[in-house]
Amino acid sequence: MAHIPTFFSKPKYKRFHYSPRYYDEQKEDLDQRIRQIEAEMGVEHGKAYIPKIRKGQMGSYVNKYRKRQSRQSNLRLFVIILILSFGAWLLFFR
């Protein structure tokens, strides 16, 4: 029988079934033990984090971005007003 749309039936829920392709339980256990031992010894896992963005650098970027967007917006508005005024001049004075 063909699929006939009905107003009273509820749609079936789609389920997401995820099964990892590669899983090594021994490796996961080893990594977990290494992290625990490093945490107990006070050693960070991997290299120490050194931020590349200095304090205040991001704020100045945001200010520059806003200023640039404001200039672009003002220029766009000026061009639109110029085109509309030229069109009005053609309609009324020619």
N, C-alpha and C. Protein backbone atom coordinates (compact mmCIF):
# COMPACT_ATOMS: atom_id res chain seq x y z
N MET A 1 0.84 -1.17 0.00
CA MET A 1 0.00 0.00 0.00
C MET A 1 0.89 1.24 0.00
N ALA A 2 0.52 2.24 -0.73
CA ALA A 2 1.30 3.47 -0.84
C ALA A 2 1.23 4.25 0.46
N HIS A 3 2.18 5.10 0.64
CA HIS A 3 2.20 5.94 1.84
C HIS A 3 1.14 7.03 1.72
N ILE A 4 0.13 6.94 2.54
CA ILE A 4 -0.94 7.92 2.54
C ILE A 4 -0.74 8.83 3.74
N PRO A 5 -0.63 10.15 3.50
CA PRO A 5 -0.43 11.05 4.64
C PRO A 5 -1.67 11.09 5.52
N THR A 6 -1.47 11.01 6.80
CA THR A 6 -2.57 11.11 7.74
C THR A 6 -2.29 12.23 8.72
N PHE A 7 -3.34 12.76 9.29
CA PHE A 7 -3.21 13.85 10.24
C PHE A 7 -3.12 13.36 11.68
N PHE A 8 -3.40 12.12 11.92
CA PHE A 8 -3.48 11.62 13.28
C PHE A 8 -2.29 10.79 13.71
N SER A 9 -1.45 10.35 12.80
CA SER A 9 -0.31 9.52 13.19
C SER A 9 0.88 10.41 13.56
N LYS A 10 1.63 9.96 14.54
CA LYS A 10 2.81 10.69 14.97
C LYS A 10 4.00 10.19 14.18
N PRO A 11 4.95 11.08 13.87
CA PRO A 11 6.14 10.61 13.15
C PRO A 11 7.01 9.75 14.06
N LYS A 12 7.67 8.78 13.47
CA LYS A 12 8.58 7.94 14.23
C LYS A 12 9.88 8.71 14.47
N TYR A 13 10.42 8.56 15.65
CA TYR A 13 11.64 9.27 16.00
C TYR A 13 12.83 8.59 15.36
N LYS A 14 13.73 9.40 14.85
CA LYS A 14 14.96 8.87 14.29
C LYS A 14 15.99 8.80 15.41
N ARG A 15 16.66 7.70 15.50
CA ARG A 15 17.64 7.51 16.56
C ARG A 15 19.03 7.53 15.96
N PHE A 16 19.95 8.00 16.76
CA PHE A 16 21.34 8.08 16.35
C PHE A 16 22.11 6.97 17.05
N HIS A 17 22.65 6.08 16.29
CA HIS A 17 23.43 4.98 16.85
C HIS A 17 24.88 5.19 16.46
N TYR A 18 25.70 5.47 17.46
CA TYR A 18 27.11 5.71 17.22
C TYR A 18 27.92 4.58 17.83
N SER A 19 28.70 3.95 17.03
CA SER A 19 29.63 2.96 17.55
C SER A 19 31.02 3.34 17.03
N PRO A 20 31.95 3.58 17.93
CA PRO A 20 33.28 4.02 17.49
C PRO A 20 33.96 2.93 16.66
N ARG A 21 34.69 3.36 15.67
CA ARG A 21 35.36 2.40 14.80
C ARG A 21 36.56 1.76 15.46
N TYR A 22 37.38 2.60 16.08
CA TYR A 22 38.61 2.10 16.68
C TYR A 22 38.58 2.40 18.18
N TYR A 23 38.59 1.38 18.98
CA TYR A 23 38.58 1.56 20.43
C TYR A 23 39.49 0.52 21.04
N ASP A 24 40.50 1.01 21.71
CA ASP A 24 41.44 0.11 22.38
C ASP A 24 41.30 0.36 23.88
N GLU A 25 40.68 -0.57 24.57
CA GLU A 25 40.40 -0.40 25.99
C GLU A 25 41.68 -0.32 26.81
N GLN A 26 42.69 -1.09 26.44
CA GLN A 26 43.95 -1.06 27.17
C GLN A 26 44.62 0.31 27.02
N LYS A 27 44.59 0.86 25.83
CA LYS A 27 45.20 2.17 25.61
C LYS A 27 44.46 3.25 26.40
N GLU A 28 43.14 3.18 26.42
CA GLU A 28 42.35 4.15 27.19
C GLU A 28 42.68 4.05 28.68
N ASP A 29 42.77 2.85 29.21
CA ASP A 29 43.13 2.66 30.61
C ASP A 29 44.52 3.20 30.91
N LEU A 30 45.48 2.93 30.02
CA LEU A 30 46.84 3.42 30.20
C LEU A 30 46.87 4.94 30.19
N ASP A 31 46.20 5.57 29.24
CA ASP A 31 46.15 7.03 29.18
C ASP A 31 45.52 7.62 30.44
N GLN A 32 44.47 6.99 30.93
CA GLN A 32 43.82 7.46 32.14
C GLN A 32 44.76 7.37 33.35
N ARG A 33 45.48 6.27 33.46
CA ARG A 33 46.43 6.10 34.57
C ARG A 33 47.57 7.12 34.47
N ILE A 34 48.04 7.37 33.25
CA ILE A 34 49.12 8.36 33.07
C ILE A 34 48.63 9.74 33.49
N ARG A 35 47.42 10.12 33.10
CA ARG A 35 46.87 11.42 33.49
C ARG A 35 46.72 11.53 35.01
N GLN A 36 46.27 10.45 35.66
CA GLN A 36 46.13 10.47 37.11
C GLN A 36 47.48 10.65 37.80
N ILE A 37 48.49 9.94 37.34
CA ILE A 37 49.82 10.03 37.94
C ILE A 37 50.40 11.43 37.72
N GLU A 38 50.23 11.98 36.52
CA GLU A 38 50.73 13.32 36.24
C GLU A 38 50.00 14.35 37.11
N ALA A 39 48.69 14.16 37.32
CA ALA A 39 47.94 15.08 38.17
C ALA A 39 48.42 15.00 39.62
N GLU A 40 48.73 13.81 40.09
CA GLU A 40 49.23 13.65 41.45
C GLU A 40 50.61 14.27 41.62
N MET A 41 51.42 14.19 40.58
CA MET A 41 52.78 14.73 40.66
C MET A 41 52.80 16.23 40.37
N GLY A 42 51.71 16.76 39.84
CA GLY A 42 51.66 18.19 39.53
C GLY A 42 52.19 18.52 38.15
N VAL A 43 52.36 17.54 37.33
CA VAL A 43 52.85 17.75 35.96
C VAL A 43 51.64 17.81 35.03
N GLU A 44 51.64 18.80 34.14
CA GLU A 44 50.54 18.90 33.19
C GLU A 44 50.76 17.93 32.04
N HIS A 45 49.68 17.45 31.49
CA HIS A 45 49.73 16.51 30.37
C HIS A 45 50.15 17.27 29.13
N GLY A 46 51.23 16.90 28.52
CA GLY A 46 51.71 17.57 27.32
C GLY A 46 52.47 18.83 27.68
N LYS A 47 52.52 19.78 26.76
CA LYS A 47 53.24 21.03 26.97
C LYS A 47 52.39 22.01 27.77
N ALA A 48 53.07 22.95 28.35
CA ALA A 48 52.37 24.00 29.10
C ALA A 48 51.68 24.94 28.12
N TYR A 49 50.54 25.46 28.52
CA TYR A 49 49.77 26.36 27.66
C TYR A 49 50.33 27.76 27.73
N ILE A 50 50.69 28.31 26.60
CA ILE A 50 51.17 29.68 26.53
C ILE A 50 50.23 30.44 25.60
N PRO A 51 49.46 31.38 26.15
CA PRO A 51 48.51 32.10 25.29
C PRO A 51 49.24 33.01 24.31
N LYS A 52 48.74 33.07 23.09
CA LYS A 52 49.35 33.92 22.08
C LYS A 52 48.70 35.29 22.02
N ILE A 53 47.53 35.41 22.61
CA ILE A 53 46.84 36.70 22.63
C ILE A 53 47.13 37.35 23.98
N ARG A 54 47.73 38.52 23.92
CA ARG A 54 48.04 39.23 25.16
C ARG A 54 46.81 39.96 25.68
N LYS A 55 46.87 40.35 26.94
CA LYS A 55 45.75 41.03 27.58
C LYS A 55 45.48 42.34 26.84
N GLY A 56 44.23 42.55 26.47
CA GLY A 56 43.83 43.78 25.80
C GLY A 56 43.95 43.72 24.28
N GLN A 57 44.64 42.74 23.77
CA GLN A 57 44.82 42.65 22.32
C GLN A 57 43.50 42.35 21.62
N MET A 58 42.69 41.48 22.20
CA MET A 58 41.42 41.13 21.59
C MET A 58 40.45 42.31 21.64
N GLY A 59 40.48 43.07 22.71
CA GLY A 59 39.60 44.23 22.82
C GLY A 59 39.90 45.27 21.76
N SER A 60 41.18 45.50 21.47
CA SER A 60 41.52 46.47 20.44
C SER A 60 41.09 45.96 19.06
N TYR A 61 41.17 44.65 18.85
CA TYR A 61 40.71 44.09 17.58
C TYR A 61 39.22 44.32 17.41
N VAL A 62 38.45 44.09 18.48
CA VAL A 62 37.00 44.28 18.41
C VAL A 62 36.68 45.74 18.11
N ASN A 63 37.38 46.66 18.76
CA ASN A 63 37.15 48.08 18.50
C ASN A 63 37.47 48.45 17.06
N LYS A 64 38.57 47.95 16.53
CA LYS A 64 38.94 48.23 15.13
C LYS A 64 37.89 47.65 14.18
N TYR A 65 37.43 46.44 14.48
CA TYR A 65 36.42 45.80 13.63
C TYR A 65 35.13 46.61 13.63
N ARG A 66 34.69 47.04 14.80
CA ARG A 66 33.46 47.84 14.87
C ARG A 66 33.61 49.16 14.14
N LYS A 67 34.77 49.79 14.27
CA LYS A 67 34.99 51.07 13.60
C LYS A 67 34.97 50.89 12.09
N ARG A 68 35.60 49.81 11.61
CA ARG A 68 35.61 49.53 10.17
C ARG A 68 34.20 49.25 9.65
N GLN A 69 33.43 48.48 10.41
CA GLN A 69 32.06 48.18 10.01
C GLN A 69 31.22 49.45 9.99
N SER A 70 31.44 50.34 10.94
CA SER A 70 30.70 51.60 11.00
C SER A 70 31.03 52.46 9.78
N ARG A 71 32.31 52.53 9.42
CA ARG A 71 32.70 53.30 8.23
C ARG A 71 32.07 52.72 6.97
N GLN A 72 32.10 51.41 6.84
CA GLN A 72 31.51 50.78 5.65
C GLN A 72 30.00 51.04 5.59
N SER A 73 29.35 50.98 6.74
CA SER A 73 27.92 51.21 6.79
C SER A 73 27.60 52.66 6.42
N ASN A 74 28.37 53.61 6.93
CA ASN A 74 28.15 55.02 6.61
C ASN A 74 28.39 55.29 5.13
N LEU A 75 29.43 54.69 4.56
CA LEU A 75 29.71 54.87 3.14
C LEU A 75 28.58 54.29 2.29
N ARG A 76 28.09 53.12 2.66
CA ARG A 76 26.99 52.49 1.94
C ARG A 76 25.74 53.36 1.99
N LEU A 77 25.45 53.92 3.16
CA LEU A 77 24.29 54.81 3.32
C LEU A 77 24.45 56.05 2.47
N PHE A 78 25.64 56.63 2.43
CA PHE A 78 25.90 57.83 1.63
C PHE A 78 25.69 57.53 0.15
N VAL A 79 26.16 56.41 -0.33
CA VAL A 79 25.99 56.05 -1.75
C VAL A 79 24.52 55.84 -2.07
N ILE A 80 23.77 55.21 -1.20
CA ILE A 80 22.33 55.00 -1.43
C ILE A 80 21.60 56.32 -1.49
N ILE A 81 21.92 57.24 -0.57
CA ILE A 81 21.27 58.56 -0.57
C ILE A 81 21.63 59.32 -1.83
N LEU A 82 22.88 59.22 -2.27
CA LEU A 82 23.32 59.90 -3.48
C LEU A 82 22.56 59.37 -4.70
N ILE A 83 22.41 58.07 -4.80
CA ILE A 83 21.69 57.47 -5.94
C ILE A 83 20.22 57.86 -5.90
N LEU A 84 19.59 57.83 -4.72
CA LEU A 84 18.17 58.21 -4.61
C LEU A 84 17.96 59.68 -4.93
N SER A 85 18.87 60.55 -4.48
CA SER A 85 18.71 61.97 -4.78
C SER A 85 18.91 62.23 -6.27
N PHE A 86 19.83 61.52 -6.91
CA PHE A 86 20.02 61.67 -8.36
C PHE A 86 18.77 61.20 -9.11
N GLY A 87 18.18 60.08 -8.65
CA GLY A 87 16.95 59.60 -9.28
C GLY A 87 15.80 60.58 -9.08
N ALA A 88 15.69 61.18 -7.91
CA ALA A 88 14.65 62.18 -7.66
C ALA A 88 14.87 63.41 -8.53
N TRP A 89 16.13 63.81 -8.69
CA TRP A 89 16.42 64.98 -9.54
C TRP A 89 16.01 64.70 -10.98
N LEU A 90 16.28 63.46 -11.46
CA LEU A 90 15.88 63.12 -12.83
C LEU A 90 14.37 63.14 -12.99
N LEU A 91 13.63 62.67 -11.98
CA LEU A 91 12.19 62.64 -12.07
C LEU A 91 11.53 64.01 -12.00
N PHE A 92 12.00 64.87 -11.12
CA PHE A 92 11.32 66.13 -10.87
C PHE A 92 11.85 67.29 -11.67
N PHE A 93 13.09 67.34 -12.03
CA PHE A 93 13.68 68.52 -12.67
C PHE A 93 14.06 68.33 -14.13
N ARG A 94 13.76 67.21 -14.71
CA ARG A 94 14.04 67.05 -16.13
C ARG A 94 12.80 66.94 -16.93
